[in-house]
C-alpha atoms as a PDB file:
ATOM      1  CA  MET A   1      87.592  50.342  57.121  1.00  0.00           C
ATOM      2  CA  ILE A   2      88.518  46.853  57.571  1.00  0.00           C
ATOM      3  CA  GLU A   3      87.128  44.844  60.130  1.00  0.00           C
ATOM      4  CA  THR A   4      89.609  43.349  62.594  1.00  0.00           C
ATOM      5  CA  THR A   5      88.908  39.896  62.123  1.00  0.00           C
ATOM      6  CA  THR A   6      89.514  40.275  58.798  1.00  0.00           C
ATOM      7  CA  ALA A   7      92.757  41.994  58.990  1.00  0.00           C
ATOM      8  CA  ILE A   8      94.202  39.289  61.429  1.00  0.00           C
ATOM      9  CA  LYS A   9      92.749  36.532  58.777  1.00  0.00           C
ATOM     10  CA  ILE A  10      95.162  39.002  55.994  1.00  0.00           C
ATOM     11  CA  VAL A  11      98.079  38.710  57.861  1.00  0.00           C
ATOM     12  CA  TRP A  12      97.735  35.261  59.273  1.00  0.00           C
ATOM     13  CA  ASN A  13      97.120  34.273  55.436  1.00  0.00           C
ATOM     14  CA  THR A  14     100.204  36.259  54.504  1.00  0.00           C
ATOM     15  CA  PHE A  15     102.147  34.612  57.116  1.00  0.00           C
ATOM     16  CA  VAL A  16     101.177  30.930  56.070  1.00  0.00           C
ATOM     17  CA  ILE A  17     102.030  31.754  52.478  1.00  0.00           C
ATOM     18  CA  LEU A  18     105.509  32.950  53.095  1.00  0.00           C
ATOM     19  CA  PHE A  19     106.410  30.301  56.035  1.00  0.00           C
ATOM     20  CA  SER A  20     105.535  27.916  53.601  1.00  0.00           C
ATOM     21  CA  GLY A  21     107.037  29.434  50.634  1.00  0.00           C
ATOM     22  CA  ILE A  22     109.883  29.502  52.557  1.00  0.00           C
ATOM     23  CA  LEU A  23     109.674  25.621  53.419  1.00  0.00           C
ATOM     24  CA  ALA A  24     109.641  24.544  50.528  1.00  0.00           C
ATOM     25  CA  TYR A  25     112.287  26.781  49.045  1.00  0.00           C
ATOM     26  CA  LEU A  26     114.516  24.788  51.493  1.00  0.00           C
ATOM     27  CA  GLU A  27     112.649  21.371  50.520  1.00  0.00           C
ATOM     28  CA  ILE A  28     112.459  21.060  54.554  1.00  0.00           C
ATOM     29  CA  SER A  29     109.713  18.017  55.051  1.00  0.00           C
ATOM     30  CA  GLN A  30     106.909  19.198  55.731  1.00  0.00           C
ATOM     31  CA  GLU A  31     105.433  15.792  58.315  1.00  0.00           C
ATOM     32  CA  PRO A  32     108.681  16.306  60.711  1.00  0.00           C
ATOM     33  CA  PHE A  33     108.030  19.686  61.243  1.00  0.00           C
ATOM     34  CA  THR A  34     104.638  19.880  61.717  1.00  0.00           C
ATOM     35  CA  LEU A  35     105.516  16.977  64.325  1.00  0.00           C
ATOM     36  CA  PHE A  36     107.631  19.001  65.797  1.00  0.00           C
ATOM     37  CA  ALA A  37     105.416  21.774  66.390  1.00  0.00           C
ATOM     38  CA  ILE A  38     102.395  20.078  67.378  1.00  0.00           C
ATOM     39  CA  LEU A  39     104.718  18.551  70.108  1.00  0.00           C
ATOM     40  CA  LEU A  40     106.299  21.927  71.186  1.00  0.00           C
ATOM     41  CA  VAL A  41     102.402  23.146  71.713  1.00  0.00           C
ATOM     42  CA  ILE A  42     101.969  19.898  73.863  1.00  0.00           C
ATOM     43  CA  ASP A  43     105.293  20.297  75.500  1.00  0.00           C
ATOM     44  CA  TYR A  44     104.335  23.704  76.658  1.00  0.00           C
ATOM     45  CA  ILE A  45     100.557  23.215  78.029  1.00  0.00           C
ATOM     46  CA  THR A  46     102.198  19.905  80.187  1.00  0.00           C
ATOM     47  CA  GLY A  47     104.966  22.429  81.346  1.00  0.00           C
ATOM     48  CA  LEU A  48     102.050  24.475  82.233  1.00  0.00           C
ATOM     49  CA  TRP A  49     100.959  21.607  84.433  1.00  0.00           C
ATOM     50  CA  LYS A  50     103.982  20.762  85.527  1.00  0.00           C
ATOM     51  CA  ALA A  51     104.505  24.039  87.227  1.00  0.00           C
ATOM     52  CA  LYS A  52     101.015  24.165  88.333  1.00  0.00           C
ATOM     53  CA  THR A  53     101.479  20.495  90.009  1.00  0.00           C
ATOM     54  CA  LEU A  54     104.990  21.497  91.874  1.00  0.00           C
ATOM     55  CA  GLU A  55     103.226  24.759  93.086  1.00  0.00           C
ATOM     56  CA  HIS A  56     105.757  27.074  91.048  1.00  0.00           C
ATOM     57  CA  SER A  57     105.034  30.612  90.333  1.00  0.00           C
ATOM     58  CA  ILE A  58     103.441  31.132  87.251  1.00  0.00           C
ATOM     59  CA  THR A  59     103.456  34.472  85.964  1.00  0.00           C
ATOM     60  CA  SER A  60     102.520  36.234  82.124  1.00  0.00           C
ATOM     61  CA  ASN A  61     106.773  37.023  82.305  1.00  0.00           C
ATOM     62  CA  LYS A  62     107.533  33.491  82.581  1.00  0.00           C
ATOM     63  CA  MET A  63     104.828  32.269  80.054  1.00  0.00           C
ATOM     64  CA  LYS A  64     105.942  34.887  77.433  1.00  0.00           C
ATOM     65  CA  TYR A  65     109.862  33.909  77.996  1.00  0.00           C
ATOM     66  CA  GLY A  66     108.339  30.134  77.424  1.00  0.00           C
ATOM     67  CA  LEU A  67     106.453  30.613  74.507  1.00  0.00           C
ATOM     68  CA  VAL A  68     109.307  33.371  73.061  1.00  0.00           C
ATOM     69  CA  SER A  69     111.858  30.442  73.501  1.00  0.00           C
ATOM     70  CA  LYS A  70     109.226  27.444  72.356  1.00  0.00           C
ATOM     71  CA  LEU A  71     108.937  29.660  68.790  1.00  0.00           C
ATOM     72  CA  SER A  72     112.365  30.063  68.720  1.00  0.00           C
ATOM     73  CA  LEU A  73     112.893  26.712  68.669  1.00  0.00           C
ATOM     74  CA  ILE A  74     110.688  27.012  65.088  1.00  0.00           C
ATOM     75  CA  ILE A  75     113.298  28.565  63.272  1.00  0.00           C
ATOM     76  CA  VAL A  76     116.644  26.083  64.082  1.00  0.00           C
ATOM     77  CA  PRO A  77     115.432  23.754  61.425  1.00  0.00           C
ATOM     78  CA  ILE A  78     114.902  26.936  58.998  1.00  0.00           C
ATOM     79  CA  VAL A  79     118.564  28.166  59.697  1.00  0.00           C
ATOM     80  CA  VAL A  80     120.112  24.540  59.878  1.00  0.00           C
ATOM     81  CA  ALA A  81     118.787  24.367  56.659  1.00  0.00           C
ATOM     82  CA  MET A  82     119.499  27.563  55.294  1.00  0.00           C
ATOM     83  CA  GLY A  83     123.196  26.484  56.241  1.00  0.00           C
ATOM     84  CA  ALA A  84     123.440  23.657  54.427  1.00  0.00           C
ATOM     85  CA  LYS A  85     121.397  25.106  51.187  1.00  0.00           C
ATOM     86  CA  ALA A  86     124.584  27.976  51.321  1.00  0.00           C
ATOM     87  CA  LEU A  87     127.356  26.117  51.945  1.00  0.00           C
ATOM     88  CA  GLY A  88     126.169  23.289  49.209  1.00  0.00           C
ATOM     89  CA  ALA A  89     125.980  20.374  51.345  1.00  0.00           C
ATOM     90  CA  ASP A  90     123.929  18.496  51.467  1.00  0.00           C
ATOM     91  CA  SER A  91     121.093  19.636  53.374  1.00  0.00           C
ATOM     92  CA  HIS A  92     118.220  16.628  53.773  1.00  0.00           C
ATOM     93  CA  TYR A  93     120.970  14.675  55.562  1.00  0.00           C
ATOM     94  CA  VAL A  94     121.893  17.601  58.195  1.00  0.00           C
ATOM     95  CA  LEU A  95     118.336  19.177  58.557  1.00  0.00           C
ATOM     96  CA  ASN A  96     116.208  15.734  58.998  1.00  0.00           C
ATOM     97  CA  SER A  97     119.765  14.333  61.304  1.00  0.00           C
ATOM     98  CA  GLY A  98     118.778  17.780  63.352  1.00  0.00           C
ATOM     99  CA  MET A  99     115.191  17.652  62.969  1.00  0.00           C
ATOM    100  CA  TYR A 100     114.900  14.430  65.058  1.00  0.00           C
ATOM    101  CA  ILE A 101     117.074  15.452  67.576  1.00  0.00           C
ATOM    102  CA  LEU A 102     114.319  18.398  68.399  1.00  0.00           C
ATOM    103  CA  ILE A 103     111.955  15.767  68.114  1.00  0.00           C
ATOM    104  CA  LEU A 104     113.576  13.691  70.445  1.00  0.00           C
ATOM    105  CA  SER A 105     113.781  16.258  72.682  1.00  0.00           C
ATOM    106  CA  GLU A 106     110.223  17.803  72.632  1.00  0.00           C
ATOM    107  CA  VAL A 107     108.919  14.216  73.583  1.00  0.00           C
ATOM    108  CA  TYR A 108     111.583  13.634  76.438  1.00  0.00           C
ATOM    109  CA  SER A 109     110.625  16.836  77.977  1.00  0.00           C
ATOM    110  CA  ILE A 110     106.653  16.050  77.625  1.00  0.00           C
ATOM    111  CA  ILE A 111     107.466  12.308  79.171  1.00  0.00           C
ATOM    112  CA  GLY A 112     109.682  14.580  82.362  1.00  0.00           C
ATOM    113  CA  ASN A 113     106.613  16.952  82.769  1.00  0.00           C
ATOM    114  CA  ILE A 114     104.669  13.895  82.595  1.00  0.00           C
ATOM    115  CA  TYR A 115     106.866  11.981  85.303  1.00  0.00           C
ATOM    116  CA  SER A 116     107.115  15.005  87.357  1.00  0.00           C
ATOM    117  CA  THR A 117     103.381  15.958  87.320  1.00  0.00           C
ATOM    118  CA  ARG A 118     103.108  12.275  88.638  1.00  0.00           C
ATOM    119  CA  THR A 119     105.731  11.980  90.929  1.00  0.00           C
ATOM    120  CA  LYS A 120     106.029  15.758  92.120  1.00  0.00           C
ATOM    121  CA  GLN A 121     109.272  15.717  91.893  1.00  0.00           C
ATOM    122  CA  GLU A 122     112.264  17.784  89.544  1.00  0.00           C
ATOM    123  CA  PHE A 123     113.258  15.838  86.235  1.00  0.00           C
ATOM    124  CA  PRO A 124     116.456  16.307  84.533  1.00  0.00           C
ATOM    125  CA  GLU A 125     116.223  18.307  81.608  1.00  0.00           C
ATOM    126  CA  TYR A 126     117.921  17.820  77.896  1.00  0.00           C
ATOM    127  CA  ASP A 127     119.803  20.729  75.960  1.00  0.00           C
ATOM    128  CA  ALA A 128     118.802  19.277  72.299  1.00  0.00           C
ATOM    129  CA  LEU A 129     120.436  22.893  71.461  1.00  0.00           C
ATOM    130  CA  ALA A 130     124.026  21.458  72.726  1.00  0.00           C
ATOM    131  CA  ALA A 131     123.421  18.367  70.979  1.00  0.00           C
ATOM    132  CA  ILE A 132     122.736  19.654  67.503  1.00  0.00           C
ATOM    133  CA  GLY A 133     125.427  22.482  67.496  1.00  0.00           C
ATOM    134  CA  LYS A 134     128.129  19.435  68.809  1.00  0.00           C
ATOM    135  CA  TYR A 135     126.780  17.305  65.377  1.00  0.00           C
ATOM    136  CA  ILE A 136     127.102  19.960  63.007  1.00  0.00           C
ATOM    137  CA  ARG A 137     130.099  20.854  64.234  1.00  0.00           C
ATOM    138  CA  ASN A 138     131.307  17.257  64.108  1.00  0.00           C
ATOM    139  CA  PHE A 139     130.427  16.451  60.564  1.00  0.00           C
ATOM    140  CA  LEU A 140     131.754  19.821  59.094  1.00  0.00           C
ATOM    141  CA  MET A 141     135.141  18.738  60.432  1.00  0.00           C
ATOM    142  CA  SER A 142     134.364  15.872  58.877  1.00  0.00           C
ATOM    143  CA  LYS A 143     134.492  16.733  55.145  1.00  0.00           C
ATOM    144  CA  ASN A 144     137.058  18.848  55.721  1.00  0.00           C
ATOM    145  CA  ILE A 145     135.512  22.283  55.068  1.00  0.00           C
ATOM    146  CA  PRO A 146     138.619  24.780  54.129  1.00  0.00           C
ATOM    147  CA  SER A 147     136.491  27.728  55.721  1.00  0.00           C
ATOM    148  CA  CYS A 148     135.388  25.551  58.693  1.00  0.00           C
ATOM    149  CA  PRO A 149     136.495  27.874  61.509  1.00  0.00           C
ATOM    150  CA  ILE A 150     137.360  24.608  64.013  1.00  0.00           C
ATOM    151  CA  SER A 151     140.419  22.588  62.840  1.00  0.00           C
ATOM    152  CA  VAL A 152     140.128  18.681  63.559  1.00  0.00           C
ATOM    153  CA  LYS A 153     143.525  19.380  65.250  1.00  0.00           C
ATOM    154  CA  GLU A 154     142.284  22.747  67.681  1.00  0.00           C
ATOM    155  CA  GLU A 155     139.472  20.056  68.835  1.00  0.00           C
ATOM    156  CA  ASN A 156     141.992  17.983  69.945  1.00  0.00           C
ATOM    157  CA  GLU A 157     144.664  20.039  71.291  1.00  0.00           C
ATOM    158  CA  LYS A 158     141.103  21.311  73.155  1.00  0.00           C
ATOM    159  CA  ASP A 159     140.458  17.777  74.667  1.00  0.00           C
ATOM    160  CA  ALA A 160     143.785  17.150  75.383  1.00  0.00           C
END
């Protein structure tokens, strides 16, 4: 019978190999992706610190939600790369732009958490996913992709 620690190692190593294979296939640059993952961990820790300082209740459900929320952000660059590769778009340009927006968002969040901890005041949030969505929509519209469901004309009519 396999020991629990051996089983955990096997599962972990399998996950790492599959994940690395996906990143390599999608040609996702390792450095920004690794920095983004590290920033997610730092943001999570500083967010807990902020919650404790501002005397917000810290429950296991909130911690699970925060952890799942942070882990789901790692999926965003992978999905963007898959979409760009499927469309035959310049995946490096689209992916790097998206990664930079996510990295800046995490840096902003960490600074906000530290600010809130020092001043005991809330810091305004910034939604990076909304910015990425808007960026991708504008990028697709600028390329005049025939299958793009949103045309420039429709967007201009909405803005008017």
